[in-house]
Amino acid sequence: MTLTHPAAIEAALGKELGEELDRIRADIIAARGTDDARYIRTVIATQRSLEAGGRAALAVSLFPPAWAAGTAMLSVAKILENMELGHNILHGQWDWMGDPAIHSATWEWDFLTPAEAWKHTHNHLHHTWTNVVDRDRDLGYVVFRMSGDQRWRPRHLAQPLYNFVLAPLFEWGIALYDLEPDAVAAGRKSWRSLAADLTGFLTKATRQLAKDYVLFPLLAGPSALPCLLGNLTANTVRNLWSHTIIFCGHFPGDVQTFTEEHIDGETRGQWYLRQIQGSANIEGGPLFHVLSGNLGHQIEHHAFPDLPSNRYAEIAPRVRELCEKYGIPYVTGPLWRQYGSTWGRILRFAVPGK
């Protein structure tokens, strides 16, 4: 749906809401410290232990139980690295620690797209213009139509098929998307910039593919083929999981979209309001939230993208209480419901009409 609140009402609402959300932010900044640093270092140690164990087991994966154990450990390690580590570290959530090894300027993640390219399209473009039609390229990733205010084209009839194909290949889709070929075609990005970004992508992709599909299989000797298949399976599992979490946090049917006119003169409070109305939470237990990079708290993440992810569970009840106080929809539900609602949106906007 597209937001249509009267501007005067929204301005007053945004001012009060913004002040209260700023207080929540200030509370967390003042409280973060040793326990938060211990948390992220524990996740890093766990992720690296799982990856080392998975690689070791896949090195002897001619033995089927070793293949199963190694593939499972490597799958979880890759999920943790992408979701709770890479995504959140690159948001600058842990820059306050002053640790150069856990910093948005130095972290390079286990993903095809280079960190710098992703930070531009995700941190800057998406989080600034969340769900604004023609400004937020993440609203459908250029391929999907996710709002009635987006122009329908015949190719959108096939977007359910696109989604099936994208899910297991998600890191490839994001890497190509981060090159911004559509911006080049529209004249917003130069061919020289595209060439530089393409060089960065090819360099990173070569390194990633060589690591998972050449180096470690060769080191496995007689277990080379099952090792390669284990690595391929782990990457696919990670892609399916990250695609599911990201789509379910952005595209369930009750998530709102906005026009460029809506953000004209937007205040800080109105920006907060748009982040809340343009996101959806996914309910689950502590393990689910760690494996989702705490993006089950997508509303809180969009309101406070640079606060430590382990604090979102603490913040969420306060944000929800504010939404109830001001009569703002707080879109939340279990994974199965958000997944079904997301598919409903993909199907609904595949055909013409608002």
Protein backbone atom coordinates (compact mmCIF):
# COMPACT_ATOMS: atom_id res chain seq x y z
CA MET A 1 0.00 0.00 0.00
CA THR A 2 1.07 3.61 -0.50
CA LEU A 3 1.03 6.09 2.36
CA THR A 4 -1.57 8.87 2.09
CA HIS A 5 -1.57 10.57 5.52
CA PRO A 6 -2.40 14.30 5.48
CA ALA A 7 0.89 16.19 5.60
CA ALA A 8 0.00 18.33 8.63
CA ILE A 9 -1.02 15.33 10.74
CA GLU A 10 2.08 13.43 9.74
CA ALA A 11 4.38 16.37 10.53
CA ALA A 12 3.00 16.67 14.08
CA LEU A 13 3.11 12.92 14.57
CA GLY A 14 6.66 12.70 13.24
CA LYS A 15 7.94 15.44 15.54
CA GLU A 16 6.72 13.75 18.72
CA LEU A 17 7.68 10.27 17.55
CA GLY A 18 11.13 11.47 16.47
CA GLU A 19 11.89 12.98 19.85
CA GLU A 20 10.96 9.76 21.65
CA LEU A 21 12.95 7.58 19.24
CA ASP A 22 15.96 9.89 19.61
CA ARG A 23 15.78 9.24 23.37
CA ILE A 24 15.84 5.48 22.77
CA ARG A 25 18.86 5.91 20.52
CA ALA A 26 20.67 8.05 23.10
CA ASP A 27 19.96 5.47 25.82
CA ILE A 28 21.57 2.66 23.80
CA ILE A 29 24.59 4.74 22.80
CA ALA A 30 25.16 5.61 26.46
CA ALA A 31 24.77 1.97 27.57
CA ARG A 32 26.81 0.10 24.95
CA GLY A 33 30.10 -1.21 26.22
CA THR A 34 31.94 -4.33 27.37
CA ASP A 35 28.99 -6.72 27.10
CA ASP A 36 28.30 -5.65 23.52
CA ALA A 37 31.96 -6.03 22.54
CA ARG A 38 32.02 -9.49 24.14
CA TYR A 39 28.90 -10.43 22.15
CA ILE A 40 30.29 -9.58 18.73
CA ARG A 41 33.65 -11.20 19.47
CA THR A 42 31.85 -14.36 20.63
CA VAL A 43 29.86 -14.47 17.38
CA ILE A 44 33.07 -14.02 15.35
CA ALA A 45 34.81 -16.81 17.29
CA THR A 46 31.79 -19.11 16.87
CA GLN A 47 31.55 -18.39 13.15
CA ARG A 48 35.25 -19.07 12.59
CA SER A 49 35.11 -22.29 14.61
CA LEU A 50 32.14 -23.51 12.60
CA GLU A 51 33.87 -22.66 9.33
CA ALA A 52 37.10 -24.39 10.39
CA GLY A 53 35.16 -27.47 11.52
CA GLY A 54 33.13 -27.51 8.32
CA ARG A 55 36.21 -27.18 6.11
CA ALA A 56 37.98 -29.96 8.04
CA ALA A 57 35.02 -32.32 7.77
CA LEU A 58 34.62 -31.64 4.05
CA ALA A 59 38.29 -32.47 3.56
CA VAL A 60 37.36 -36.11 4.35
CA SER A 61 33.86 -35.95 2.91
CA LEU A 62 34.06 -39.21 0.95
CA PHE A 63 32.72 -40.46 4.30
CA PRO A 64 29.00 -39.46 4.08
CA PRO A 65 28.54 -38.46 7.76
CA ALA A 66 31.54 -36.13 7.40
CA TRP A 67 29.96 -34.55 4.30
CA ALA A 68 26.67 -33.96 6.13
CA ALA A 69 28.36 -32.52 9.22
CA GLY A 70 30.79 -30.40 7.23
CA THR A 71 28.12 -29.00 4.93
CA ALA A 72 25.85 -28.17 7.89
CA MET A 73 28.62 -26.40 9.80
CA LEU A 74 29.78 -24.46 6.76
CA SER A 75 26.20 -23.44 5.91
CA VAL A 76 25.66 -22.02 9.41
CA ALA A 77 29.08 -20.33 9.32
CA LYS A 78 28.27 -18.61 6.03
CA ILE A 79 24.86 -17.51 7.33
CA LEU A 80 26.42 -16.04 10.47
CA GLU A 81 29.16 -14.32 8.48
CA ASN A 82 26.72 -12.68 6.09
CA MET A 83 23.84 -11.84 8.37
CA GLU A 84 25.07 -11.10 11.89
CA LEU A 85 28.65 -10.15 10.99
CA GLY A 86 29.05 -8.79 7.45
CA HIS A 87 25.75 -6.92 7.14
CA ASN A 88 25.93 -5.35 10.59
CA ILE A 89 29.66 -4.61 10.72
CA LEU A 90 29.44 -2.90 7.33
CA HIS A 91 26.63 -0.73 8.73
CA GLY A 92 29.17 0.65 11.21
CA GLN A 93 27.39 -0.89 14.18
CA TRP A 94 30.68 -1.79 15.86
CA ASP A 95 32.88 1.13 14.74
CA TRP A 96 32.54 2.66 18.23
CA MET A 97 34.79 -0.12 19.60
CA GLY A 98 37.78 1.29 17.74
CA ASP A 99 38.91 -2.21 16.74
CA PRO A 100 40.33 -2.07 13.20
CA ALA A 101 39.55 -5.78 12.72
CA ILE A 102 35.82 -5.22 13.38
CA HIS A 103 35.21 -2.00 11.51
CA SER A 104 33.08 -0.96 8.53
CA ALA A 105 36.13 0.52 6.78
CA THR A 106 38.15 -2.72 6.87
CA TRP A 107 35.72 -5.66 6.91
CA GLU A 108 35.41 -7.67 3.69
CA TRP A 109 32.72 -10.30 3.79
CA ASP A 110 32.25 -13.79 2.35
CA PHE A 111 29.98 -12.59 -0.46
CA LEU A 112 30.46 -11.96 -4.18
CA THR A 113 29.72 -8.24 -4.07
CA PRO A 114 32.60 -6.08 -2.74
CA ALA A 115 31.91 -4.40 0.60
CA GLU A 116 32.30 -0.86 -0.75
CA ALA A 117 29.80 -1.40 -3.57
CA TRP A 118 27.27 -2.88 -1.18
CA LYS A 119 27.67 -0.06 1.34
CA HIS A 120 26.84 2.45 -1.39
CA THR A 121 23.67 0.80 -2.66
CA HIS A 122 22.48 -0.51 0.71
CA ASN A 123 23.62 1.85 3.46
CA HIS A 124 23.32 5.06 1.47
CA LEU A 125 20.63 4.58 -1.17
CA HIS A 126 18.32 2.04 0.46
CA HIS A 127 18.42 3.24 4.07
CA THR A 128 18.11 6.88 3.07
CA TRP A 129 15.20 6.43 0.63
CA THR A 130 13.50 3.36 2.09
CA ASN A 131 10.52 2.32 -0.07
CA VAL A 132 10.36 5.60 -1.98
CA VAL A 133 9.32 4.76 -5.54
CA ASP A 134 12.02 5.76 -8.07
CA ARG A 135 14.50 6.58 -5.28
CA ASP A 136 14.97 3.28 -3.42
CA ARG A 137 16.32 0.79 -5.96
CA ASP A 138 15.89 -1.96 -3.34
CA LEU A 139 12.13 -1.60 -3.82
CA GLY A 140 12.01 -4.59 -6.13
CA TYR A 141 15.74 -4.52 -6.95
CA VAL A 142 14.93 -2.99 -10.37
CA VAL A 143 13.50 -6.37 -11.46
CA PHE A 144 10.31 -6.66 -9.38
CA ARG A 145 7.25 -4.41 -9.22
CA MET A 146 6.35 -4.06 -5.52
CA SER A 147 4.09 -1.00 -5.52
CA GLY A 148 1.09 0.22 -7.46
CA ASP A 149 3.01 3.46 -8.02
CA GLN A 150 5.66 1.62 -10.03
CA ARG A 151 4.94 1.48 -13.74
CA TRP A 152 3.76 -1.95 -14.86
CA ARG A 153 5.58 -3.58 -17.76
CA PRO A 154 4.85 -6.92 -19.46
CA ARG A 155 8.05 -8.41 -18.02
CA HIS A 156 6.52 -8.15 -14.53
CA LEU A 157 4.19 -11.03 -15.40
CA ALA A 158 7.19 -13.29 -14.93
CA GLN A 159 8.32 -11.90 -11.57
CA PRO A 160 7.15 -14.97 -9.61
CA LEU A 161 9.55 -16.98 -11.80
CA TYR A 162 12.29 -14.37 -11.25
CA ASN A 163 11.89 -14.83 -7.51
CA PHE A 164 12.26 -18.62 -7.71
CA VAL A 165 15.47 -18.20 -9.71
CA LEU A 166 16.84 -15.36 -7.58
CA ALA A 167 16.54 -17.12 -4.22
CA PRO A 168 19.27 -19.80 -4.66
CA LEU A 169 21.45 -17.35 -6.63
CA PHE A 170 20.90 -14.37 -4.34
CA GLU A 171 24.55 -13.36 -3.95
CA TRP A 172 24.88 -13.22 -7.76
CA GLY A 173 21.74 -11.14 -8.05
CA ILE A 174 22.96 -8.66 -5.42
CA ALA A 175 26.43 -8.45 -6.98
CA LEU A 176 25.00 -7.62 -10.42
CA TYR A 177 22.48 -5.22 -8.88
CA ASP A 178 25.28 -3.38 -7.02
CA LEU A 179 26.94 -2.64 -10.37
CA GLU A 180 23.93 -0.34 -11.08
CA PRO A 181 23.63 -1.03 -14.83
CA ASP A 182 20.21 0.66 -14.77
CA ALA A 183 21.84 3.87 -13.48
CA VAL A 184 24.27 3.77 -16.39
CA ALA A 185 21.43 3.35 -18.88
CA ALA A 186 19.62 6.30 -17.28
CA GLY A 187 22.71 8.50 -17.37
CA ARG A 188 23.08 8.70 -13.58
CA LYS A 189 26.33 6.73 -13.57
CA SER A 190 29.26 6.94 -15.97
CA TRP A 191 30.63 4.07 -18.01
CA ARG A 192 33.99 4.68 -16.36
CA SER A 193 32.45 4.13 -12.92
CA LEU A 194 30.78 0.97 -14.18
CA ALA A 195 34.11 -0.31 -15.53
CA ALA A 196 35.79 0.34 -12.16
CA ASP A 197 32.97 -1.40 -10.28
CA LEU A 198 33.03 -4.31 -12.72
CA THR A 199 36.74 -4.74 -12.14
CA GLY A 200 36.15 -4.82 -8.39
CA PHE A 201 33.37 -7.36 -8.77
CA LEU A 202 35.40 -9.65 -11.05
CA THR A 203 38.35 -9.51 -8.67
CA LYS A 204 36.19 -10.37 -5.67
CA ALA A 205 34.20 -13.04 -7.54
CA THR A 206 37.38 -14.71 -8.79
CA ARG A 207 38.72 -14.86 -5.25
CA GLN A 208 35.45 -16.24 -3.87
CA LEU A 209 35.01 -18.87 -6.58
CA ALA A 210 38.64 -19.95 -6.38
CA LYS A 211 38.40 -20.39 -2.60
CA ASP A 212 35.24 -22.50 -2.53
CA TYR A 213 35.44 -24.36 -5.83
CA VAL A 214 39.16 -24.75 -6.51
CA LEU A 215 41.43 -24.32 -3.46
CA PHE A 216 39.53 -26.25 -0.79
CA PRO A 217 38.45 -29.07 -3.15
CA LEU A 218 42.08 -29.50 -4.26
CA LEU A 219 43.21 -29.60 -0.62
CA ALA A 220 40.61 -32.33 -0.01
CA GLY A 221 42.41 -34.67 -2.43
CA PRO A 222 40.27 -37.80 -2.91
CA SER A 223 37.33 -35.91 -1.38
CA ALA A 224 37.58 -33.09 -3.93
CA LEU A 225 34.20 -33.64 -5.58
CA PRO A 226 32.10 -34.05 -2.42
CA CYS A 227 33.98 -31.09 -0.92
CA LEU A 228 33.09 -28.95 -3.93
CA LEU A 229 29.44 -30.06 -3.70
CA GLY A 230 29.44 -29.30 0.03
CA ASN A 231 30.71 -25.78 -0.63
CA LEU A 232 28.10 -25.28 -3.35
CA THR A 233 25.36 -26.52 -1.02
CA ALA A 234 26.50 -24.22 1.81
CA ASN A 235 26.49 -21.19 -0.49
CA THR A 236 23.03 -22.12 -1.78
CA VAL A 237 21.64 -22.59 1.73
CA ARG A 238 23.06 -19.21 2.74
CA ASN A 239 21.53 -17.57 -0.35
CA LEU A 240 18.10 -19.10 0.27
CA TRP A 241 18.14 -18.02 3.92
CA SER A 242 19.34 -14.45 3.31
CA HIS A 243 16.85 -13.99 0.45
CA THR A 244 14.01 -15.19 2.68
CA ILE A 245 14.91 -12.94 5.62
CA ILE A 246 15.51 -9.84 3.50
CA PHE A 247 12.34 -10.21 1.41
CA CYS A 248 10.21 -10.97 4.48
CA GLY A 249 11.56 -7.87 6.22
CA HIS A 250 10.77 -5.54 3.32
CA PHE A 251 7.90 -6.82 1.18
CA PRO A 252 4.98 -8.28 3.20
CA GLY A 253 1.64 -6.91 2.02
CA ASP A 254 1.12 -4.45 4.90
CA VAL A 255 4.47 -2.69 4.36
CA GLN A 256 3.88 0.76 2.89
CA THR A 257 5.56 2.48 -0.04
CA PHE A 258 5.92 6.19 -0.70
CA THR A 259 6.07 8.68 -3.55
CA GLU A 260 8.74 11.35 -4.03
CA GLU A 261 6.15 14.02 -3.21
CA HIS A 262 5.73 12.41 0.19
CA ILE A 263 9.36 13.04 1.20
CA ASP A 264 9.46 16.66 0.07
CA GLY A 265 10.70 18.61 3.12
CA GLU A 266 10.86 15.43 5.20
CA THR A 267 11.96 15.98 8.81
CA ARG A 268 13.98 13.61 10.97
CA GLY A 269 10.78 12.51 12.71
CA GLN A 270 9.04 11.85 9.41
CA TRP A 271 12.06 9.84 8.27
CA TYR A 272 11.64 7.66 11.38
CA LEU A 273 7.95 7.26 10.58
CA ARG A 274 8.72 6.16 7.02
CA GLN A 275 11.29 3.62 8.23
CA ILE A 276 8.74 2.05 10.59
CA GLN A 277 5.95 1.95 8.02
CA GLY A 278 8.28 0.70 5.28
CA SER A 279 9.56 -2.35 7.21
CA ALA A 280 8.26 -5.58 8.75
CA ASN A 281 9.43 -7.69 11.67
CA ILE A 282 9.68 -11.48 11.80
CA GLU A 283 8.93 -13.17 15.11
CA GLY A 284 11.21 -15.89 16.46
CA GLY A 285 13.45 -17.02 19.29
CA PRO A 286 16.99 -15.92 20.20
CA LEU A 287 18.71 -18.39 17.85
CA PHE A 288 16.50 -17.34 14.96
CA HIS A 289 17.37 -13.69 15.54
CA VAL A 290 21.12 -14.35 15.65
CA LEU A 291 20.96 -16.40 12.43
CA SER A 292 18.88 -13.66 10.77
CA GLY A 293 21.43 -11.01 11.73
CA ASN A 294 18.74 -9.68 14.09
CA LEU A 295 16.91 -8.56 10.94
CA GLY A 296 13.82 -10.19 12.37
CA HIS A 297 13.80 -6.78 14.08
CA GLN A 298 13.76 -5.05 10.69
CA ILE A 299 11.70 -2.10 11.96
CA GLU A 300 14.24 -1.39 14.68
CA HIS A 301 17.10 -1.90 12.24
CA HIS A 302 15.66 0.64 9.82
CA ALA A 303 15.09 3.15 12.59
CA PHE A 304 18.57 2.62 14.07
CA PRO A 305 20.77 0.99 11.38
CA ASP A 306 24.07 1.77 13.14
CA LEU A 307 23.17 0.60 16.66
CA PRO A 308 24.55 -2.82 17.75
CA SER A 309 22.30 -5.58 16.42
CA ASN A 310 22.22 -7.42 19.76
CA ARG A 311 20.33 -4.42 21.19
CA TYR A 312 17.38 -4.63 18.80
CA ALA A 313 15.53 -7.17 20.99
CA GLU A 314 15.81 -4.72 23.89
CA ILE A 315 14.65 -1.78 21.77
CA ALA A 316 11.74 -3.57 20.05
CA PRO A 317 9.17 -3.45 22.93
CA ARG A 318 9.78 0.28 23.36
CA VAL A 319 9.35 0.96 19.64
CA ARG A 320 6.20 -1.15 19.50
CA GLU A 321 4.79 0.68 22.53
CA LEU A 322 5.39 4.01 20.78
CA CYS A 323 3.64 2.74 17.65
CA GLU A 324 0.62 1.72 19.73
CA LYS A 325 0.67 5.10 21.49
CA TYR A 326 0.60 7.03 18.21
CA GLY A 327 -1.60 4.60 16.27
CA ILE A 328 1.15 3.60 13.83
CA PRO A 329 0.91 0.10 12.28
CA TYR A 330 3.70 -2.18 13.56
CA VAL A 331 3.90 -4.95 10.97
CA THR A 332 5.07 -8.19 12.59
CA GLY A 333 4.37 -11.90 12.37
CA PRO A 334 5.97 -15.36 12.24
CA LEU A 335 8.20 -16.30 9.34
CA TRP A 336 5.59 -18.45 7.59
CA ARG A 337 3.07 -15.60 7.59
CA GLN A 338 5.53 -12.97 6.37
CA TYR A 339 6.78 -15.35 3.68
CA GLY A 340 3.25 -15.99 2.41
CA SER A 341 2.42 -12.28 2.53
CA THR A 342 5.57 -11.46 0.55
CA TRP A 343 4.64 -13.94 -2.15
CA GLY A 344 1.16 -12.42 -2.20
CA ARG A 345 2.69 -9.01 -2.93
CA ILE A 346 4.91 -10.41 -5.68
CA LEU A 347 1.89 -12.04 -7.34
CA ARG A 348 -0.41 -9.04 -6.87
CA PHE A 349 1.90 -6.53 -8.54
CA ALA A 350 2.88 -8.90 -11.32
CA VAL A 351 -0.32 -7.83 -13.06
CA PRO A 352 -1.44 -4.31 -14.01
CA GLY A 353 -3.30 -2.11 -11.55
CA LYS A 354 -2.77 -0.33 -8.24
